[in-house]
C-alpha atoms as a PDB file:
ATOM      1  CA  UNK A   1      -0.024   0.007  -0.001  1.00  0.00           C
ATOM      2  CA  UNK A   2       1.528   3.314  -1.097  1.00  0.00           C
ATOM      3  CA  UNK A   3      -0.815   5.551   0.850  1.00  0.00           C
ATOM      4  CA  UNK A   4      -0.769   8.155  -1.890  1.00  0.00           C
ATOM      5  CA  UNK A   5      -4.384   7.855  -2.989  1.00  0.00           C
ATOM      6  CA  UNK A   6      -5.390  10.682  -5.341  1.00  0.00           C
ATOM      7  CA  UNK A   7      -2.318  12.803  -4.702  1.00  0.00           C
ATOM      8  CA  UNK A   8      -0.398  14.314  -7.553  1.00  0.00           C
ATOM      9  CA  UNK A   9       2.949  12.634  -8.351  1.00  0.00           C
ATOM     10  CA  UNK A  10       5.612  13.682  -5.836  1.00  0.00           C
ATOM     11  CA  UNK A  11       3.150  15.351  -3.421  1.00  0.00           C
ATOM     12  CA  UNK A  12       3.461  14.310   0.195  1.00  0.00           C
ATOM     13  CA  UNK A  13       0.638  14.120   2.720  1.00  0.00           C
ATOM     14  CA  UNK A  14       0.622  17.177   5.015  1.00  0.00           C
ATOM     15  CA  UNK A  15       1.480  15.030   8.066  1.00  0.00           C
ATOM     16  CA  UNK A  16       4.456  13.485   6.238  1.00  0.00           C
ATOM     17  CA  UNK A  17       5.762  16.912   5.308  1.00  0.00           C
ATOM     18  CA  UNK A  18       5.548  17.977   8.970  1.00  0.00           C
ATOM     19  CA  UNK A  19       7.362  14.827  10.241  1.00  0.00           C
ATOM     20  CA  UNK A  20      10.130  15.288   7.678  1.00  0.00           C
ATOM     21  CA  UNK A  21      10.470  18.933   8.535  1.00  0.00           C
ATOM     22  CA  UNK A  22      11.104  17.988  12.217  1.00  0.00           C
ATOM     23  CA  UNK A  23      13.686  15.370  11.141  1.00  0.00           C
ATOM     24  CA  UNK A  24      15.561  18.064   9.259  1.00  0.00           C
ATOM     25  CA  UNK A  25      15.654  20.299  12.417  1.00  0.00           C
ATOM     26  CA  UNK A  26      17.505  17.663  14.488  1.00  0.00           C
ATOM     27  CA  UNK A  27      21.157  18.754  14.798  1.00  0.00           C
ATOM     28  CA  UNK A  28      23.981  16.425  13.775  1.00  0.00           C
ATOM     29  CA  UNK A  29      25.037  14.237  16.616  1.00  0.00           C
ATOM     30  CA  UNK A  30      21.594  14.311  18.260  1.00  0.00           C
ATOM     31  CA  UNK A  31      18.416  12.222  17.903  1.00  0.00           C
ATOM     32  CA  UNK A  32      14.727  12.420  18.634  1.00  0.00           C
ATOM     33  CA  UNK A  33      12.495   9.351  19.242  1.00  0.00           C
ATOM     34  CA  UNK A  34       9.425   8.623  17.141  1.00  0.00           C
ATOM     35  CA  UNK A  35       7.382   9.658  20.223  1.00  0.00           C
ATOM     36  CA  UNK A  36       9.370  12.897  20.610  1.00  0.00           C
ATOM     37  CA  UNK A  37       8.518  13.848  16.991  1.00  0.00           C
ATOM     38  CA  UNK A  38       4.815  12.969  17.597  1.00  0.00           C
ATOM     39  CA  UNK A  39       4.787  15.129  20.736  1.00  0.00           C
ATOM     40  CA  UNK A  40       6.510  18.024  18.912  1.00  0.00           C
ATOM     41  CA  UNK A  41       3.831  17.885  16.205  1.00  0.00           C
ATOM     42  CA  UNK A  42       1.006  17.620  18.775  1.00  0.00           C
ATOM     43  CA  UNK A  43       2.374  20.716  20.431  1.00  0.00           C
ATOM     44  CA  UNK A  44       2.323  22.539  17.074  1.00  0.00           C
ATOM     45  CA  UNK A  45      -1.236  21.449  16.599  1.00  0.00           C
ATOM     46  CA  UNK A  46      -2.232  22.921  20.009  1.00  0.00           C
ATOM     47  CA  UNK A  47      -0.508  26.178  19.122  1.00  0.00           C
ATOM     48  CA  UNK A  48      -2.402  26.335  15.842  1.00  0.00           C
ATOM     49  CA  UNK A  49      -5.840  25.896  17.385  1.00  0.00           C
ATOM     50  CA  UNK A  50      -8.825  23.494  17.170  1.00  0.00           C
ATOM     51  CA  UNK A  51      -8.694  22.911  13.397  1.00  0.00           C
ATOM     52  CA  UNK A  52      -5.186  21.511  13.681  1.00  0.00           C
ATOM     53  CA  UNK A  53      -6.000  19.512  16.826  1.00  0.00           C
ATOM     54  CA  UNK A  54      -8.824  17.596  15.231  1.00  0.00           C
ATOM     55  CA  UNK A  55      -6.889  16.884  12.088  1.00  0.00           C
ATOM     56  CA  UNK A  56      -8.078  19.895  10.105  1.00  0.00           C
ATOM     57  CA  UNK A  57      -6.329  18.513   7.050  1.00  0.00           C
ATOM     58  CA  UNK A  58      -2.990  18.726   8.884  1.00  0.00           C
ATOM     59  CA  UNK A  59      -3.150  15.396  10.588  1.00  0.00           C
ATOM     60  CA  UNK A  60      -1.876  14.294  14.017  1.00  0.00           C
ATOM     61  CA  UNK A  61      -0.480  10.980  15.026  1.00  0.00           C
ATOM     62  CA  UNK A  62       1.626   9.022  17.470  1.00  0.00           C
ATOM     63  CA  UNK A  63       4.992   7.279  17.300  1.00  0.00           C
ATOM     64  CA  UNK A  64       3.717   4.545  14.951  1.00  0.00           C
ATOM     65  CA  UNK A  65       2.503   7.132  12.424  1.00  0.00           C
ATOM     66  CA  UNK A  66       5.870   8.939  12.644  1.00  0.00           C
ATOM     67  CA  UNK A  67       7.616   5.621  12.028  1.00  0.00           C
ATOM     68  CA  UNK A  68       5.419   4.971   9.035  1.00  0.00           C
ATOM     69  CA  UNK A  69       6.196   8.336   7.514  1.00  0.00           C
ATOM     70  CA  UNK A  70       9.908   7.750   8.042  1.00  0.00           C
ATOM     71  CA  UNK A  71       9.720   4.317   6.490  1.00  0.00           C
ATOM     72  CA  UNK A  72       7.834   5.602   3.446  1.00  0.00           C
ATOM     73  CA  UNK A  73       9.343   9.019   2.860  1.00  0.00           C
ATOM     74  CA  UNK A  74      12.364   9.448   5.136  1.00  0.00           C
ATOM     75  CA  UNK A  75      15.153   8.678   2.648  1.00  0.00           C
ATOM     76  CA  UNK A  76      15.569  12.295   1.667  1.00  0.00           C
ATOM     77  CA  UNK A  77      16.095  13.567   5.251  1.00  0.00           C
ATOM     78  CA  UNK A  78      18.533  12.509   8.014  1.00  0.00           C
ATOM     79  CA  UNK A  79      16.409   9.458   8.858  1.00  0.00           C
ATOM     80  CA  UNK A  80      19.062   8.098  11.285  1.00  0.00           C
ATOM     81  CA  UNK A  81      18.243  10.913  13.687  1.00  0.00           C
ATOM     82  CA  UNK A  82      14.646   9.677  14.306  1.00  0.00           C
ATOM     83  CA  UNK A  83      15.050   6.561  16.428  1.00  0.00           C
ATOM     84  CA  UNK A  84      13.535   4.063  18.784  1.00  0.00           C
ATOM     85  CA  UNK A  85      13.287   5.117  22.453  1.00  0.00           C
ATOM     86  CA  UNK A  86      15.429   2.201  23.620  1.00  0.00           C
ATOM     87  CA  UNK A  87      18.393   3.347  21.498  1.00  0.00           C
ATOM     88  CA  UNK A  88      18.445   0.199  19.364  1.00  0.00           C
ATOM     89  CA  UNK A  89      19.499   0.960  15.789  1.00  0.00           C
ATOM     90  CA  UNK A  90      16.981   0.537  13.022  1.00  0.00           C
ATOM     91  CA  UNK A  91      16.812  -3.124  12.130  1.00  0.00           C
ATOM     92  CA  UNK A  92      18.256  -3.779   8.628  1.00  0.00           C
ATOM     93  CA  UNK A  93      19.900  -0.387   8.583  1.00  0.00           C
ATOM     94  CA  UNK A  94      22.218  -0.695  11.591  1.00  0.00           C
ATOM     95  CA  UNK A  95      25.522  -0.360   9.663  1.00  0.00           C
ATOM     96  CA  UNK A  96      24.369   2.560   7.533  1.00  0.00           C
ATOM     97  CA  UNK A  97      23.009   4.350  10.608  1.00  0.00           C
ATOM     98  CA  UNK A  98      26.135   3.543  12.621  1.00  0.00           C
ATOM     99  CA  UNK A  99      28.327   5.142   9.960  1.00  0.00           C
ATOM    100  CA  UNK A 100      26.246   8.347  10.197  1.00  0.00           C
ATOM    101  CA  UNK A 101      26.378   8.297  14.064  1.00  0.00           C
ATOM    102  CA  UNK A 102      30.118   7.904  13.971  1.00  0.00           C
ATOM    103  CA  UNK A 103      30.597  10.635  11.327  1.00  0.00           C
ATOM    104  CA  UNK A 104      28.424  13.024  13.464  1.00  0.00           C
ATOM    105  CA  UNK A 105      29.848  12.089  16.834  1.00  0.00           C
ATOM    106  CA  UNK A 106      26.462  10.901  18.151  1.00  0.00           C
ATOM    107  CA  UNK A 107      26.893   9.347  21.657  1.00  0.00           C
ATOM    108  CA  UNK A 108      26.794   5.604  21.543  1.00  0.00           C
ATOM    109  CA  UNK A 109      26.873   2.834  24.171  1.00  0.00           C
ATOM    110  CA  UNK A 110      29.188  -0.108  23.585  1.00  0.00           C
ATOM    111  CA  UNK A 111      27.385  -3.352  22.841  1.00  0.00           C
ATOM    112  CA  UNK A 112      27.271  -5.819  25.710  1.00  0.00           C
ATOM    113  CA  UNK A 113      29.680  -8.740  25.268  1.00  0.00           C
ATOM    114  CA  UNK A 114      26.634 -11.025  25.349  1.00  0.00           C
ATOM    115  CA  UNK A 115      24.949  -9.139  22.432  1.00  0.00           C
ATOM    116  CA  UNK A 116      24.734 -11.343  19.342  1.00  0.00           C
ATOM    117  CA  UNK A 117      25.362  -8.663  16.767  1.00  0.00           C
ATOM    118  CA  UNK A 118      27.860  -6.521  18.765  1.00  0.00           C
ATOM    119  CA  UNK A 119      26.100  -3.436  17.340  1.00  0.00           C
ATOM    120  CA  UNK A 120      26.242  -0.520  19.794  1.00  0.00           C
ATOM    121  CA  UNK A 121      23.114   1.370  20.880  1.00  0.00           C
ATOM    122  CA  UNK A 122      22.532   5.058  21.075  1.00  0.00           C
ATOM    123  CA  UNK A 123      23.268   6.604  24.391  1.00  0.00           C
ATOM    124  CA  UNK A 124      19.812   8.135  24.667  1.00  0.00           C
ATOM    125  CA  UNK A 125      20.576  10.134  27.839  1.00  0.00           C
ATOM    126  CA  UNK A 126      23.252  12.058  25.992  1.00  0.00           C
ATOM    127  CA  UNK A 127      22.106  11.867  22.360  1.00  0.00           C
ATOM    128  CA  UNK A 128      18.447  12.900  22.775  1.00  0.00           C
ATOM    129  CA  UNK A 129      17.571  16.359  21.582  1.00  0.00           C
ATOM    130  CA  UNK A 130      14.734  18.209  23.294  1.00  0.00           C
ATOM    131  CA  UNK A 131      14.081  20.579  20.428  1.00  0.00           C
ATOM    132  CA  UNK A 132      15.587  23.727  21.993  1.00  0.00           C
ATOM    133  CA  UNK A 133      17.840  25.636  19.672  1.00  0.00           C
ATOM    134  CA  UNK A 134      20.444  26.035  22.446  1.00  0.00           C
ATOM    135  CA  UNK A 135      20.637  22.295  22.935  1.00  0.00           C
ATOM    136  CA  UNK A 136      22.245  21.377  19.576  1.00  0.00           C
ATOM    137  CA  UNK A 137      25.638  20.070  20.633  1.00  0.00           C
ATOM    138  CA  UNK A 138      25.981  16.571  21.949  1.00  0.00           C
ATOM    139  CA  UNK A 139      27.659  16.502  25.415  1.00  0.00           C
END
């Protein structure tokens, strides 16, 4: 299912555009969870009034909807900066994401010796971005 319906070629749903715009705001070396992005967008909807809160053509959703948008449309934005809350790297994209994290200096936790894949996880305490402009540099 493509989810495009009657849309013109290349046109994104409004909610997808909003999710991708948030992904582009996340500074290098930082991450937001799917839930963080959903909360950010819900906050925007509250700021915009009742029409945005009830959908109003803008659309609101939770972490699963954010994940769906990223899976379908996220290839053109820094997709590796929108992550799972547990810090586990995106299954099937671990090595690609890891290369980005290392290039950007994103805080990582060493994989446990008992971990099968020996793939590190994100250090969510240090890597998570709260959306404040003054919080762009990873500690």
